């Protein structure tokens, strides 16, 4: 699996994922499970939705 999520993107995904999950716990809602998606893509440094659009937030090596 080739990484396609850069460091800033990764950090934002982890933070947003945690916030959504915590909000789900606080408000006792199953919607908090949606937080797993950005959290997982941030932790694994891979976003499957980036593939069809050929997007990568990693810096290119010279």
N, C-alpha and C. Protein backbone atom coordinates (compact mmCIF):
# COMPACT_ATOMS: atom_id res chain seq x y z
N UNK A 1 0.86 -1.17 0.00
CA UNK A 1 0.00 0.00 0.00
C UNK A 1 0.91 1.24 0.00
N UNK A 2 0.69 2.10 -0.97
CA UNK A 2 1.48 3.32 -1.10
C UNK A 2 0.81 4.44 -0.30
N UNK A 3 1.59 5.14 0.50
CA UNK A 3 1.05 6.24 1.29
C UNK A 3 0.67 7.40 0.39
N UNK A 4 -0.44 8.10 0.73
CA UNK A 4 -0.84 9.27 -0.05
C UNK A 4 -1.36 10.40 0.84
N UNK A 5 -1.14 10.30 2.15
CA UNK A 5 -1.58 11.33 3.08
C UNK A 5 -0.35 11.93 3.74
N UNK A 6 -0.16 13.23 3.54
CA UNK A 6 1.00 13.93 4.07
C UNK A 6 0.86 14.25 5.55
N UNK A 7 1.90 14.81 6.15
CA UNK A 7 1.91 15.04 7.60
C UNK A 7 0.85 16.02 8.11
N UNK A 8 0.63 17.12 7.40
CA UNK A 8 -0.38 18.09 7.85
C UNK A 8 -1.77 17.49 7.68
N UNK A 9 -2.02 16.88 6.54
CA UNK A 9 -3.30 16.22 6.27
C UNK A 9 -3.55 15.13 7.32
N UNK A 10 -2.50 14.39 7.63
CA UNK A 10 -2.61 13.30 8.60
C UNK A 10 -3.00 13.83 9.99
N UNK A 11 -2.32 14.88 10.43
CA UNK A 11 -2.60 15.47 11.73
C UNK A 11 -4.04 15.98 11.81
N UNK A 12 -4.48 16.66 10.76
CA UNK A 12 -5.86 17.18 10.74
C UNK A 12 -6.89 16.05 10.77
N UNK A 13 -6.62 14.97 10.03
CA UNK A 13 -7.54 13.83 10.01
C UNK A 13 -7.65 13.18 11.39
N UNK A 14 -6.51 13.03 12.07
CA UNK A 14 -6.52 12.41 13.40
C UNK A 14 -7.28 13.28 14.38
N UNK A 15 -7.03 14.59 14.36
CA UNK A 15 -7.71 15.50 15.27
C UNK A 15 -9.21 15.52 15.01
N UNK A 16 -9.61 15.65 13.75
CA UNK A 16 -11.03 15.69 13.40
C UNK A 16 -11.71 14.36 13.75
N UNK A 17 -11.04 13.26 13.47
CA UNK A 17 -11.60 11.95 13.79
C UNK A 17 -11.84 11.79 15.29
N UNK A 18 -10.86 12.22 16.09
CA UNK A 18 -11.02 12.13 17.54
C UNK A 18 -12.14 13.04 18.04
N UNK A 19 -12.22 14.25 17.48
CA UNK A 19 -13.28 15.18 17.90
C UNK A 19 -14.67 14.63 17.58
N UNK A 20 -14.82 14.05 16.40
CA UNK A 20 -16.12 13.49 16.02
C UNK A 20 -16.46 12.31 16.93
N UNK A 21 -15.49 11.45 17.20
CA UNK A 21 -15.73 10.29 18.06
C UNK A 21 -16.08 10.73 19.48
N UNK A 22 -15.37 11.71 19.99
CA UNK A 22 -15.65 12.22 21.34
C UNK A 22 -17.03 12.86 21.40
N UNK A 23 -17.39 13.63 20.36
CA UNK A 23 -18.73 14.23 20.32
C UNK A 23 -19.80 13.15 20.30
N UNK A 24 -19.55 12.05 19.60
CA UNK A 24 -20.50 10.94 19.58
C UNK A 24 -20.70 10.34 20.95
N UNK A 25 -19.62 10.24 21.73
CA UNK A 25 -19.72 9.71 23.09
C UNK A 25 -20.45 10.70 23.99
N UNK A 26 -20.08 11.97 23.90
CA UNK A 26 -20.70 12.99 24.75
C UNK A 26 -22.20 13.09 24.50
N UNK A 27 -22.60 13.09 23.22
CA UNK A 27 -24.01 13.23 22.89
C UNK A 27 -24.73 11.90 22.76
N UNK A 28 -24.04 10.81 23.13
CA UNK A 28 -24.63 9.47 23.12
C UNK A 28 -25.28 9.17 21.77
N UNK A 29 -24.47 9.34 20.70
CA UNK A 29 -24.97 9.16 19.35
C UNK A 29 -24.08 8.20 18.57
N UNK A 30 -24.71 7.40 17.72
CA UNK A 30 -23.97 6.49 16.86
C UNK A 30 -23.23 7.24 15.76
N UNK A 31 -23.56 8.50 15.54
CA UNK A 31 -22.88 9.29 14.52
C UNK A 31 -21.40 9.45 14.84
N UNK A 32 -21.03 9.26 16.08
CA UNK A 32 -19.63 9.33 16.47
C UNK A 32 -18.76 8.29 15.79
N UNK A 33 -19.38 7.22 15.32
CA UNK A 33 -18.63 6.17 14.63
C UNK A 33 -18.05 6.67 13.31
N UNK A 34 -18.62 7.73 12.76
CA UNK A 34 -18.08 8.32 11.52
C UNK A 34 -16.66 8.82 11.75
N UNK A 35 -16.34 9.15 12.99
CA UNK A 35 -15.00 9.62 13.32
C UNK A 35 -13.92 8.57 13.07
N UNK A 36 -14.32 7.31 12.96
CA UNK A 36 -13.36 6.24 12.71
C UNK A 36 -12.72 6.40 11.33
N UNK A 37 -13.46 6.90 10.36
CA UNK A 37 -12.95 7.01 8.99
C UNK A 37 -11.76 7.98 8.91
N UNK A 38 -11.90 9.25 9.32
CA UNK A 38 -10.74 10.13 9.24
C UNK A 38 -9.61 9.69 10.18
N UNK A 39 -9.97 9.12 11.32
CA UNK A 39 -8.95 8.64 12.25
C UNK A 39 -8.13 7.51 11.63
N UNK A 40 -8.79 6.56 11.01
CA UNK A 40 -8.09 5.43 10.39
C UNK A 40 -7.24 5.88 9.20
N UNK A 41 -7.79 6.76 8.36
CA UNK A 41 -7.01 7.22 7.20
C UNK A 41 -5.80 8.03 7.66
N UNK A 42 -5.92 8.74 8.77
CA UNK A 42 -4.77 9.47 9.31
C UNK A 42 -3.73 8.53 9.90
N UNK A 43 -4.17 7.52 10.62
CA UNK A 43 -3.24 6.59 11.24
C UNK A 43 -2.53 5.71 10.22
N UNK A 44 -3.24 5.30 9.18
CA UNK A 44 -2.64 4.43 8.17
C UNK A 44 -1.95 5.21 7.04
N UNK A 45 -2.07 6.53 7.04
CA UNK A 45 -1.47 7.41 6.02
C UNK A 45 -1.93 7.05 4.61
N UNK A 46 -3.14 6.56 4.49
CA UNK A 46 -3.66 6.13 3.19
C UNK A 46 -5.14 6.46 3.11
N UNK A 47 -5.53 7.14 2.02
CA UNK A 47 -6.93 7.46 1.78
C UNK A 47 -7.35 6.86 0.45
N UNK A 48 -8.27 5.88 0.47
CA UNK A 48 -8.68 5.24 -0.77
C UNK A 48 -9.40 6.19 -1.74
N UNK A 49 -10.01 7.25 -1.23
CA UNK A 49 -10.70 8.19 -2.11
C UNK A 49 -9.72 9.05 -2.92
N UNK A 50 -8.48 9.11 -2.50
CA UNK A 50 -7.48 9.87 -3.24
C UNK A 50 -7.05 9.14 -4.52
N UNK A 51 -7.18 7.83 -4.57
CA UNK A 51 -6.68 7.05 -5.70
C UNK A 51 -7.35 7.42 -7.03
N UNK A 52 -8.70 7.42 -7.14
CA UNK A 52 -9.29 7.73 -8.45
C UNK A 52 -8.99 9.14 -8.95
N UNK A 53 -8.72 10.05 -8.01
CA UNK A 53 -8.45 11.43 -8.40
C UNK A 53 -6.95 11.72 -8.49
N UNK A 54 -6.13 10.69 -8.25
CA UNK A 54 -4.67 10.80 -8.31
C UNK A 54 -4.16 11.95 -7.43
N UNK A 55 -4.67 12.02 -6.20
CA UNK A 55 -4.29 13.04 -5.25
C UNK A 55 -3.30 12.44 -4.25
N UNK A 56 -2.30 13.23 -3.89
CA UNK A 56 -1.38 12.86 -2.83
C UNK A 56 -0.96 14.14 -2.13
N UNK A 57 -1.01 14.15 -0.82
CA UNK A 57 -0.59 15.33 -0.07
C UNK A 57 0.83 15.18 0.45
N UNK A 58 1.52 14.12 0.01
CA UNK A 58 2.93 13.96 0.35
C UNK A 58 3.78 14.87 -0.52
N UNK A 59 4.88 15.33 0.02
CA UNK A 59 5.80 16.15 -0.77
C UNK A 59 6.51 15.27 -1.77
N UNK A 60 6.71 15.79 -2.96
CA UNK A 60 7.42 15.06 -4.01
C UNK A 60 8.92 15.10 -3.74
N UNK A 61 9.59 13.96 -3.97
CA UNK A 61 11.05 13.93 -3.86
C UNK A 61 11.66 14.43 -5.16
N UNK A 62 12.74 15.18 -5.03
CA UNK A 62 13.41 15.72 -6.23
C UNK A 62 14.34 14.70 -6.84
